Amino acid sequence: MHHNIVHPFGALCAKLLKRCEFLQTLMQVKQGGCPPPHRATGFAAACVDSCHRDAECPAQKKCCSNDCGHTCQSPQDLYKGECDTPAWTICEEPLTSGKDL
């Protein structure tokens, strides 16, 4: 006889994993946009792939294409204001006290 075993914390673990994946995505993609490739100068214009994602670049720099490779470059169009949305409401569903988890 085969029984389906349901872990008592299965739903909680699934929700926490989903939120962790969401937060990891936020950390990997930095704010702002990449400058146009033709504006790259110096090392930023080098034909090398010195990065593959934003998380590999220091500080606010982003991993941007220069039409020949990818280098860490200073972003443009950075948001300079204050966030008007509390951090706990950025998830698709509000965080709860645990009774709904």
PDB file of N, CA and C in Angstrom:
ATOM      1  N   MET A   1       0.846  -1.171   0.000  1.00  0.00           N
ATOM      2  CA  MET A   1       0.000   0.000   0.000  1.00  0.00           C
ATOM      3  C   MET A   1       0.897   1.242   0.000  1.00  0.00           C
ATOM      4  N   HIS A   2       0.593   2.205  -0.861  1.00  0.00           N
ATOM      5  CA  HIS A   2       1.402   3.415  -0.992  1.00  0.00           C
ATOM      6  C   HIS A   2       0.629   4.581  -0.386  1.00  0.00           C
ATOM      7  N   HIS A   3       1.260   5.266   0.556  1.00  0.00           N
ATOM      8  CA  HIS A   3       0.634   6.409   1.206  1.00  0.00           C
ATOM      9  C   HIS A   3       1.359   7.679   0.814  1.00  0.00           C
ATOM     10  N   ASN A   4       0.616   8.732   0.569  1.00  0.00           N
ATOM     11  CA  ASN A   4       1.227  10.038   0.336  1.00  0.00           C
ATOM     12  C   ASN A   4       1.504  10.673   1.683  1.00  0.00           C
ATOM     13  N   ILE A   5       2.755  10.975   1.936  1.00  0.00           N
ATOM     14  CA  ILE A   5       3.142  11.590   3.202  1.00  0.00           C
ATOM     15  C   ILE A   5       3.273  13.092   2.962  1.00  0.00           C
ATOM     16  N   VAL A   6       2.569  13.864   3.757  1.00  0.00           N
ATOM     17  CA  VAL A   6       2.610  15.315   3.648  1.00  0.00           C
ATOM     18  C   VAL A   6       3.375  15.857   4.843  1.00  0.00           C
ATOM     19  N   HIS A   7       4.447  16.571   4.563  1.00  0.00           N
ATOM     20  CA  HIS A   7       5.241  17.164   5.633  1.00  0.00           C
ATOM     21  C   HIS A   7       4.432  18.291   6.269  1.00  0.00           C
ATOM     22  N   PRO A   8       4.359  18.359   7.603  1.00  0.00           N
ATOM     23  CA  PRO A   8       3.534  19.384   8.257  1.00  0.00           C
ATOM     24  C   PRO A   8       3.976  20.809   7.944  1.00  0.00           C
ATOM     25  N   PHE A   9       5.231  21.009   7.604  1.00  0.00           N
ATOM     26  CA  PHE A   9       5.714  22.349   7.279  1.00  0.00           C
ATOM     27  C   PHE A   9       5.912  22.529   5.776  1.00  0.00           C
ATOM     28  N   GLY A  10       5.377  21.640   4.985  1.00  0.00           N
ATOM     29  CA  GLY A  10       5.563  21.693   3.541  1.00  0.00           C
ATOM     30  C   GLY A  10       5.132  23.005   2.922  1.00  0.00           C
ATOM     31  N   ALA A  11       3.938  23.490   3.259  1.00  0.00           N
ATOM     32  CA  ALA A  11       3.438  24.745   2.693  1.00  0.00           C
ATOM     33  C   ALA A  11       4.290  25.923   3.152  1.00  0.00           C
ATOM     34  N   LEU A  12       4.683  25.916   4.416  1.00  0.00           N
ATOM     35  CA  LEU A  12       5.529  26.984   4.946  1.00  0.00           C
ATOM     36  C   LEU A  12       6.870  27.004   4.220  1.00  0.00           C
ATOM     37  N   CYS A  13       7.475  25.839   4.049  1.00  0.00           N
ATOM     38  CA  CYS A  13       8.768  25.760   3.358  1.00  0.00           C
ATOM     39  C   CYS A  13       8.653  26.261   1.925  1.00  0.00           C
ATOM     40  N   ALA A  14       7.574  25.909   1.244  1.00  0.00           N
ATOM     41  CA  ALA A  14       7.375  26.343  -0.143  1.00  0.00           C
ATOM     42  C   ALA A  14       7.257  27.863  -0.230  1.00  0.00           C
ATOM     43  N   LYS A  15       6.513  28.478   0.696  1.00  0.00           N
ATOM     44  CA  LYS A  15       6.358  29.938   0.683  1.00  0.00           C
ATOM     45  C   LYS A  15       7.678  30.634   0.995  1.00  0.00           C
ATOM     46  N   LEU A  16       8.428  30.111   1.969  1.00  0.00           N
ATOM     47  CA  LEU A  16       9.709  30.721   2.325  1.00  0.00           C
ATOM     48  C   LEU A  16      10.708  30.595   1.174  1.00  0.00           C
ATOM     49  N   LEU A  17      10.725  29.463   0.505  1.00  0.00           N
ATOM     50  CA  LEU A  17      11.617  29.275  -0.624  1.00  0.00           C
ATOM     51  C   LEU A  17      11.281  30.254  -1.745  1.00  0.00           C
ATOM     52  N   LYS A  18       9.993  30.443  -1.995  1.00  0.00           N
ATOM     53  CA  LYS A  18       9.555  31.375  -3.037  1.00  0.00           C
ATOM     54  C   LYS A  18      10.010  32.798  -2.705  1.00  0.00           C
ATOM     55  N   ARG A  19       9.880  33.200  -1.456  1.00  0.00           N
ATOM     56  CA  ARG A  19      10.296  34.546  -1.046  1.00  0.00           C
ATOM     57  C   ARG A  19      11.810  34.693  -1.120  1.00  0.00           C
ATOM     58  N   CYS A  20      12.549  33.650  -0.748  1.00  0.00           N
ATOM     59  CA  CYS A  20      14.007  33.713  -0.825  1.00  0.00           C
ATOM     60  C   CYS A  20      14.458  33.851  -2.278  1.00  0.00           C
ATOM     61  N   GLU A  21      13.828  33.119  -3.186  1.00  0.00           N
ATOM     62  CA  GLU A  21      14.178  33.223  -4.603  1.00  0.00           C
ATOM     63  C   GLU A  21      13.902  34.634  -5.112  1.00  0.00           C
ATOM     64  N   PHE A  22      12.787  35.226  -4.685  1.00  0.00           N
ATOM     65  CA  PHE A  22      12.433  36.583  -5.093  1.00  0.00           C
ATOM     66  C   PHE A  22      13.486  37.580  -4.599  1.00  0.00           C
ATOM     67  N   LEU A  23      13.883  37.453  -3.335  1.00  0.00           N
ATOM     68  CA  LEU A  23      14.871  38.366  -2.768  1.00  0.00           C
ATOM     69  C   LEU A  23      16.237  38.189  -3.423  1.00  0.00           C
ATOM     70  N   GLN A  24      16.600  36.951  -3.776  1.00  0.00           N
ATOM     71  CA  GLN A  24      17.864  36.729  -4.462  1.00  0.00           C
ATOM     72  C   GLN A  24      17.853  37.414  -5.824  1.00  0.00           C
ATOM     73  N   THR A  25      16.729  37.387  -6.510  1.00  0.00           N
ATOM     74  CA  THR A  25      16.615  38.071  -7.799  1.00  0.00           C
ATOM     75  C   THR A  25      16.826  39.562  -7.627  1.00  0.00           C
ATOM     76  N   LEU A  26      16.249  40.147  -6.580  1.00  0.00           N
ATOM     77  CA  LEU A  26      16.435  41.577  -6.327  1.00  0.00           C
ATOM     78  C   LEU A  26      17.897  41.915  -6.087  1.00  0.00           C
ATOM     79  N   MET A  27      18.620  41.034  -5.408  1.00  0.00           N
ATOM     80  CA  MET A  27      20.015  41.305  -5.099  1.00  0.00           C
ATOM     81  C   MET A  27      20.909  41.144  -6.328  1.00  0.00           C
ATOM     82  N   GLN A  28      20.503  40.309  -7.279  1.00  0.00           N
ATOM     83  CA  GLN A  28      21.336  40.061  -8.449  1.00  0.00           C
ATOM     84  C   GLN A  28      21.228  41.153  -9.495  1.00  0.00           C
ATOM     85  N   VAL A  29      20.098  41.826  -9.584  1.00  0.00           N
ATOM     86  CA  VAL A  29      19.903  42.874 -10.586  1.00  0.00           C
ATOM     87  C   VAL A  29      19.923  44.216  -9.872  1.00  0.00           C
ATOM     88  N   LYS A  30      20.936  45.018 -10.172  1.00  0.00           N
ATOM     89  CA  LYS A  30      21.091  46.301  -9.494  1.00  0.00           C
ATOM     90  C   LYS A  30      20.263  47.385 -10.181  1.00  0.00           C
ATOM     91  N   GLN A  31      20.023  48.423  -9.449  1.00  0.00           N
ATOM     92  CA  GLN A  31      19.210  49.546  -9.904  1.00  0.00           C
ATOM     93  C   GLN A  31      19.865  50.274 -11.079  1.00  0.00           C
ATOM     94  N   GLY A  32      19.040  50.868 -11.905  1.00  0.00           N
ATOM     95  CA  GLY A  32      19.521  51.674 -13.023  1.00  0.00           C
ATOM     96  C   GLY A  32      19.637  50.865 -14.296  1.00  0.00           C
ATOM     97  N   GLY A  33      19.963  51.562 -15.363  1.00  0.00           N
ATOM     98  CA  GLY A  33      20.107  50.914 -16.652  1.00  0.00           C
ATOM     99  C   GLY A  33      21.537  50.988 -17.143  1.00  0.00           C
ATOM    100  N   CYS A  34      21.856  50.143 -18.081  1.00  0.00           N
ATOM    101  CA  CYS A  34      23.192  50.168 -18.675  1.00  0.00           C
ATOM    102  C   CYS A  34      23.289  51.319 -19.673  1.00  0.00           C
ATOM    103  N   PRO A  35      24.445  51.962 -19.729  1.00  0.00           N
ATOM    104  CA  PRO A  35      24.636  53.015 -20.719  1.00  0.00           C
ATOM    105  C   PRO A  35      24.689  52.392 -22.114  1.00  0.00           C
ATOM    106  N   PRO A  36      24.430  53.180 -23.152  1.00  0.00           N
ATOM    107  CA  PRO A  36      24.524  52.649 -24.518  1.00  0.00           C
ATOM    108  C   PRO A  36      25.929  52.106 -24.775  1.00  0.00           C
ATOM    109  N   PRO A  37      26.035  50.955 -25.425  1.00  0.00           N
ATOM    110  CA  PRO A  37      27.351  50.333 -25.648  1.00  0.00           C
ATOM    111  C   PRO A  37      28.377  51.253 -26.306  1.00  0.00           C
ATOM    112  N   HIS A  38      27.962  52.112 -27.206  1.00  0.00           N
ATOM    113  CA  HIS A  38      28.917  52.973 -27.910  1.00  0.00           C
ATOM    114  C   HIS A  38      29.528  54.056 -27.008  1.00  0.00           C
ATOM    115  N   ARG A  39      28.987  54.239 -25.809  1.00  0.00           N
ATOM    116  CA  ARG A  39      29.523  55.252 -24.888  1.00  0.00           C
ATOM    117  C   ARG A  39      30.592  54.687 -23.958  1.00  0.00           C
ATOM    118  N   ALA A  40      30.838  53.400 -24.016  1.00  0.00           N
ATOM    119  CA  ALA A  40      31.848  52.789 -23.151  1.00  0.00           C
ATOM    120  C   ALA A  40      33.244  53.269 -23.539  1.00  0.00           C
ATOM    121  N   THR A  41      34.056  53.554 -22.523  1.00  0.00           N
ATOM    122  CA  THR A  41      35.439  53.990 -22.753  1.00  0.00           C
ATOM    123  C   THR A  41      36.367  53.247 -21.803  1.00  0.00           C
ATOM    124  N   GLY A  42      37.657  53.258 -22.102  1.00  0.00           N
ATOM    125  CA  GLY A  42      38.636  52.610 -21.230  1.00  0.00           C
ATOM    126  C   GLY A  42      38.361  51.127 -21.114  1.00  0.00           C
ATOM    127  N   PHE A  43      38.544  50.568 -19.899  1.00  0.00           N
ATOM    128  CA  PHE A  43      38.334  49.135 -19.699  1.00  0.00           C
ATOM    129  C   PHE A  43      36.891  48.733 -19.976  1.00  0.00           C
ATOM    130  N   ALA A  44      35.947  49.630 -19.753  1.00  0.00           N
ATOM    131  CA  ALA A  44      34.535  49.318 -19.999  1.00  0.00           C
ATOM    132  C   ALA A  44      34.293  48.978 -21.471  1.00  0.00           C
ATOM    133  N   ALA A  45      35.176  49.439 -22.366  1.00  0.00           N
ATOM    134  CA  ALA A  45      35.035  49.177 -23.793  1.00  0.00           C
ATOM    135  C   ALA A  45      35.849  47.965 -24.248  1.00  0.00           C
ATOM    136  N   ALA A  46      36.561  47.321 -23.340  1.00  0.00           N
ATOM    137  CA  ALA A  46      37.419  46.187 -23.696  1.00  0.00           C
ATOM    138  C   ALA A  46      36.594  44.997 -24.179  1.00  0.00           C
ATOM    139  N   CYS A  47      37.139  44.266 -25.126  1.00  0.00           N
ATOM    140  CA  CYS A  47      36.469  43.074 -25.667  1.00  0.00           C
ATOM    141  C   CYS A  47      36.728  41.871 -24.767  1.00  0.00           C
ATOM    142  N   VAL A  48      36.194  41.917 -23.577  1.00  0.00           N
ATOM    143  CA  VAL A  48      36.326  40.838 -22.598  1.00  0.00           C
ATOM    144  C   VAL A  48      34.972  40.628 -21.932  1.00  0.00           C
ATOM    145  N   ASP A  49      34.803  39.474 -21.370  1.00  0.00           N
ATOM    146  CA  ASP A  49      33.623  39.207 -20.546  1.00  0.00           C
ATOM    147  C   ASP A  49      34.094  39.143 -19.107  1.00  0.00           C
ATOM    148  N   SER A  50      34.176  40.310 -18.465  1.00  0.00           N
ATOM    149  CA  SER A  50      34.666  40.367 -17.094  1.00  0.00           C
ATOM    150  C   SER A  50      33.551  40.131 -16.077  1.00  0.00           C
ATOM    151  N   CYS A  51      32.306  40.019 -16.552  1.00  0.00           N
ATOM    152  CA  CYS A  51      31.169  39.741 -15.662  1.00  0.00           C
ATOM    153  C   CYS A  51      30.070  39.061 -16.467  1.00  0.00           C
ATOM    154  N   HIS A  52      29.155  38.430 -15.724  1.00  0.00           N
ATOM    155  CA  HIS A  52      28.007  37.785 -16.356  1.00  0.00           C
ATOM    156  C   HIS A  52      26.685  38.277 -15.767  1.00  0.00           C
ATOM    157  N   ARG A  53      26.739  38.850 -14.561  1.00  0.00           N
ATOM    158  CA  ARG A  53      25.527  39.385 -13.911  1.00  0.00           C
ATOM    159  C   ARG A  53      25.935  40.516 -12.963  1.00  0.00           C
ATOM    160  N   ASP A  54      24.981  41.349 -12.626  1.00  0.00           N
ATOM    161  CA  ASP A  54      25.228  42.527 -11.789  1.00  0.00           C
ATOM    162  C   ASP A  54      25.888  42.186 -10.459  1.00  0.00           C
ATOM    163  N   ALA A  55      25.522  41.066  -9.867  1.00  0.00           N
ATOM    164  CA  ALA A  55      26.041  40.695  -8.552  1.00  0.00           C
ATOM    165  C   ALA A  55      27.562  40.540  -8.552  1.00  0.00           C
ATOM    166  N   GLU A  56      28.168  40.363  -9.715  1.00  0.00           N
ATOM    167  CA  GLU A  56      29.617  40.201  -9.813  1.00  0.00           C
ATOM    168  C   GLU A  56      30.350  41.539  -9.862  1.00  0.00           C
ATOM    169  N   CYS A  57      29.613  42.638  -9.945  1.00  0.00           N
ATOM    170  CA  CYS A  57      30.216  43.966 -10.051  1.00  0.00           C
ATOM    171  C   CYS A  57      30.222  44.671  -8.691  1.00  0.00           C
ATOM    172  N   PRO A  58      31.251  45.482  -8.428  1.00  0.00           N
ATOM    173  CA  PRO A  58      31.329  46.174  -7.139  1.00  0.00           C
ATOM    174  C   PRO A  58      30.331  47.323  -7.018  1.00  0.00           C
ATOM    175  N   ALA A  59      29.977  47.607  -5.780  1.00  0.00           N
ATOM    176  CA  ALA A  59      29.113  48.748  -5.425  1.00  0.00           C
ATOM    177  C   ALA A  59      27.878  48.815  -6.325  1.00  0.00           C
ATOM    178  N   GLN A  60      27.638  49.973  -6.942  1.00  0.00           N
ATOM    179  CA  GLN A  60      26.434  50.158  -7.764  1.00  0.00           C
ATOM    180  C   GLN A  60      26.634  49.761  -9.217  1.00  0.00           C
ATOM    181  N   LYS A  61      27.839  49.374  -9.590  1.00  0.00           N
ATOM    182  CA  LYS A  61      28.097  49.070 -10.999  1.00  0.00           C
ATOM    183  C   LYS A  61      27.289  47.869 -11.460  1.00  0.00           C
ATOM    184  N   LYS A  62      26.935  47.899 -12.758  1.00  0.00           N
ATOM    185  CA  LYS A  62      26.138  46.847 -13.379  1.00  0.00           C
ATOM    186  C   LYS A  62      26.961  46.129 -14.439  1.00  0.00           C
ATOM    187  N   CYS A  63      26.613  44.894 -14.726  1.00  0.00           N
ATOM    188  CA  CYS A  63      27.259  44.138 -15.787  1.00  0.00           C
ATOM    189  C   CYS A  63      26.555  44.510 -17.092  1.00  0.00           C
ATOM    190  N   CYS A  64      27.273  45.225 -17.963  1.00  0.00           N
ATOM    191  CA  CYS A  64      26.674  45.769 -19.179  1.00  0.00           C
ATOM    192  C   CYS A  64      27.429  45.330 -20.429  1.00  0.00           C
ATOM    193  N   SER A  65      26.705  45.203 -21.513  1.00  0.00           N
ATOM    194  CA  SER A  65      27.301  44.879 -22.799  1.00  0.00           C
ATOM    195  C   SER A  65      27.947  46.123 -23.397  1.00  0.00           C
ATOM    196  N   ASN A  66      29.068  45.910 -24.094  1.00  0.00           N
ATOM    197  CA  ASN A  66      29.700  47.010 -24.830  1.00  0.00           C
ATOM    198  C   ASN A  66      29.783  46.650 -26.323  1.00  0.00           C
ATOM    199  N   ASP A  67      28.925  45.742 -26.750  1.00  0.00           N
ATOM    200  CA  ASP A  67      28.860  45.213 -28.118  1.00  0.00           C
ATOM    201  C   ASP A  67      30.036  44.311 -28.475  1.00  0.00           C
ATOM    202  N   CYS A  68      30.940  44.077 -27.543  1.00  0.00           N
ATOM    203  CA  CYS A  68      32.097  43.225 -27.806  1.00  0.00           C
ATOM    204  C   CYS A  68      32.327  42.271 -26.633  1.00  0.00           C
ATOM    205  N   GLY A  69      31.774  42.608 -25.497  1.00  0.00           N
ATOM    206  CA  GLY A  69      31.922  41.815 -24.287  1.00  0.00           C
ATOM    207  C   GLY A  69      31.012  42.380 -23.216  1.00  0.00           C
ATOM    208  N   HIS A  70      31.271  42.019 -21.978  1.00  0.00           N
ATOM    209  CA  HIS A  70      30.493  42.513 -20.834  1.00  0.00           C
ATOM    210  C   HIS A  70      31.458  42.979 -19.754  1.00  0.00           C
ATOM    211  N   THR A  71      31.260  44.204 -19.286  1.00  0.00           N
ATOM    212  CA  THR A  71      32.119  44.768 -18.243  1.00  0.00           C
ATOM    213  C   THR A  71      31.263  45.475 -17.201  1.00  0.00           C
ATOM    214  N   CYS A  72      31.841  45.693 -16.018  1.00  0.00           N
ATOM    215  CA  CYS A  72      31.151  46.421 -14.958  1.00  0.00           C
ATOM    216  C   CYS A  72      31.209  47.913 -15.269  1.00  0.00           C
ATOM    217  N   GLN A  73      30.031  48.529 -15.364  1.00  0.00           N
ATOM    218  CA  GLN A  73      29.947  49.939 -15.726  1.00  0.00           C
ATOM    219  C   GLN A  73      29.020  50.679 -14.770  1.00  0.00           C
ATOM    220  N   SER A  74      29.235  51.982 -14.669  1.00  0.00           N
ATOM    221  CA  SER A  74      28.355  52.813 -13.833  1.00  0.00           C
ATOM    222  C   SER A  74      26.990  52.918 -14.502  1.00  0.00           C
ATOM    223  N   PRO A  75      25.922  52.683 -13.739  1.00  0.00           N
ATOM    224  CA  PRO A  75      24.589  52.724 -14.329  1.00  0.00           C
ATOM    225  C   PRO A  75      24.117  54.152 -14.597  1.00  0.00           C
ATOM    226  N   GLN A  76      23.125  54.269 -15.419  1.00  0.00           N
ATOM    227  CA  GLN A  76      22.457  55.547 -15.634  1.00  0.00           C
ATOM    228  C   GLN A  76      21.016  55.391 -15.183  1.00  0.00           C
ATOM    229  N   ASP A  77      20.333  56.494 -15.031  1.00  0.00           N
ATOM    230  CA  ASP A  77      18.924  56.509 -14.615  1.00  0.00           C
ATOM    231  C   ASP A  77      18.702  55.886 -13.245  1.00  0.00           C
ATOM    232  N   LEU A  78      19.581  56.195 -12.291  1.00  0.00           N
ATOM    233  CA  LEU A  78      19.389  55.707 -10.930  1.00  0.00           C
ATOM    234  C   LEU A  78      18.251  56.456 -10.260  1.00  0.00           C
ATOM    235  N   TYR A  79      17.449  55.743  -9.486  1.00  0.00           N
ATOM    236  CA  TYR A  79      16.381  56.364  -8.715  1.00  0.00           C
ATOM    237  C   TYR A  79      17.010  56.996  -7.486  1.00  0.00           C
ATOM    238  N   LYS A  80      16.826  58.287  -7.297  1.00  0.00           N
ATOM    239  CA  LYS A  80      17.490  58.992  -6.194  1.00  0.00           C
ATOM    240  C   LYS A  80      16.530  59.395  -5.068  1.00  0.00           C
ATOM    241  N   GLY A  81      15.269  59.046  -5.183  1.00  0.00           N
ATOM    242  CA  GLY A  81      14.301  59.404  -4.154  1.00  0.00           C
ATOM    243  C   GLY A  81      14.225  58.362  -3.060  1.00  0.00           C
ATOM    244  N   GLU A  82      13.188  58.451  -2.256  1.00  0.00           N
ATOM    245  CA  GLU A  82      12.976  57.492  -1.186  1.00  0.00           C
ATOM    246  C   GLU A  82      11.891  56.515  -1.600  1.00  0.00           C
ATOM    247  N   CYS A  83      12.022  55.311  -1.123  1.00  0.00           N
ATOM    248  CA  CYS A  83      11.025  54.283  -1.415  1.00  0.00           C
ATOM    249  C   CYS A  83       9.764  54.581  -0.615  1.00  0.00           C
ATOM    250  N   ASP A  84       8.629  54.635  -1.282  1.00  0.00           N
ATOM    251  CA  ASP A  84       7.377  54.914  -0.578  1.00  0.00           C
ATOM    252  C   ASP A  84       6.602  53.645  -0.248  1.00  0.00           C
ATOM    253  N   THR A  85       7.146  52.491  -0.608  1.00  0.00           N
ATOM    254  CA  THR A  85       6.494  51.221  -0.323  1.00  0.00           C
ATOM    255  C   THR A  85       7.299  50.485   0.731  1.00  0.00           C
ATOM    256  N   PRO A  86       6.694  50.130   1.859  1.00  0.00           N
ATOM    257  CA  PRO A  86       7.436  49.384   2.884  1.00  0.00           C
ATOM    258  C   PRO A  86       7.978  48.085   2.306  1.00  0.00           C
ATOM    259  N   ALA A  87       9.179  47.703   2.721  1.00  0.00           N
ATOM    260  CA  ALA A  87       9.852  46.523   2.173  1.00  0.00           C
ATOM    261  C   ALA A  87       9.022  45.252   2.307  1.00  0.00           C
ATOM    262  N   TRP A  88       8.220  45.135   3.351  1.00  0.00           N
ATOM    263  CA  TRP A  88       7.473  43.897   3.553  1.00  0.00           C
ATOM    264  C   TRP A  88       6.264  43.783   2.623  1.00  0.00           C
ATOM    265  N   THR A  89       5.968  44.797   1.828  1.00  0.00           N
ATOM    266  CA  THR A  89       4.829  44.694   0.912  1.00  0.00           C
ATOM    267  C   THR A  89       5.270  44.432  -0.524  1.00  0.00           C
ATOM    268  N   ILE A  90       6.568  44.217  -0.763  1.00  0.00           N
ATOM    269  CA  ILE A  90       7.013  43.994  -2.128  1.00  0.00           C
ATOM    270  C   ILE A  90       6.717  42.582  -2.612  1.00  0.00           C
ATOM    271  N   CYS A  91       6.415  41.671  -1.711  1.00  0.00           N
ATOM    272  CA  CYS A  91       6.077  40.315  -2.117  1.00  0.00           C
ATOM    273  C   CYS A  91       4.668  40.295  -2.705  1.00  0.00           C
ATOM    274  N   GLU A  92       4.380  39.254  -3.459  1.00  0.00           N
ATOM    275  CA  GLU A  92       3.072  39.185  -4.108  1.00  0.00           C
ATOM    276  C   GLU A  92       1.928  39.022  -3.110  1.00  0.00           C
ATOM    277  N   GLU A  93       2.245  38.575  -1.912  1.00  0.00           N
ATOM    278  CA  GLU A  93       1.234  38.480  -0.863  1.00  0.00           C
ATOM    279  C   GLU A  93       1.843  39.018   0.423  1.00  0.00           C
ATOM    280  N   PRO A  94       1.070  39.649   1.260  1.00  0.00           N
ATOM    281  CA  PRO A  94       1.629  40.235   2.485  1.00  0.00           C
ATOM    282  C   PRO A  94       2.169  39.185   3.444  1.00  0.00           C
ATOM    283  N   LEU A  95       3.209  39.546   4.167  1.00  0.00           N
ATOM    284  CA  LEU A  95       3.738  38.663   5.183  1.00  0.00           C
ATOM    285  C   LEU A  95       2.736  38.602   6.332  1.00  0.00           C
ATOM    286  N   THR A  96       2.594  37.434   6.903  1.00  0.00           N
ATOM    287  CA  THR A  96       1.602  37.269   7.973  1.00  0.00           C
ATOM    288  C   THR A  96       2.277  36.805   9.245  1.00  0.00           C
ATOM    289  N   SER A  97       1.490  36.682  10.274  1.00  0.00           N
ATOM    290  CA  SER A  97       2.015  36.295  11.573  1.00  0.00           C
ATOM    291  C   SER A  97       2.379  34.819  11.650  1.00  0.00           C
ATOM    292  N   GLY A  98       2.013  34.041  10.676  1.00  0.00           N
ATOM    293  CA  GLY A  98       2.332  32.621  10.692  1.00  0.00           C
ATOM    294  C   GLY A  98       1.108  31.743  10.710  1.00  0.00           C
ATOM    295  N   LYS A  99      -0.028  32.304  11.131  1.00  0.00           N
ATOM    296  CA  LYS A  99      -1.222  31.462  11.212  1.00  0.00           C
ATOM    297  C   LYS A  99      -1.724  31.061   9.838  1.00  0.00           C
ATOM    298  N   ASP A 100      -1.414  31.868   8.800  1.00  0.00           N
ATOM    299  CA  ASP A 100      -1.858  31.545   7.446  1.00  0.00           C
ATOM    300  C   ASP A 100      -0.834  30.689   6.711  1.00  0.00           C
ATOM    301  N   LEU A 101       0.350  30.563   7.294  1.00  0.00           N
ATOM    302  CA  LEU A 101       1.409  29.820   6.627  1.00  0.00           C
ATOM    303  C   LEU A 101       1.187  28.387   6.914  1.00  0.00           C
TER     304      LEU A 101
END
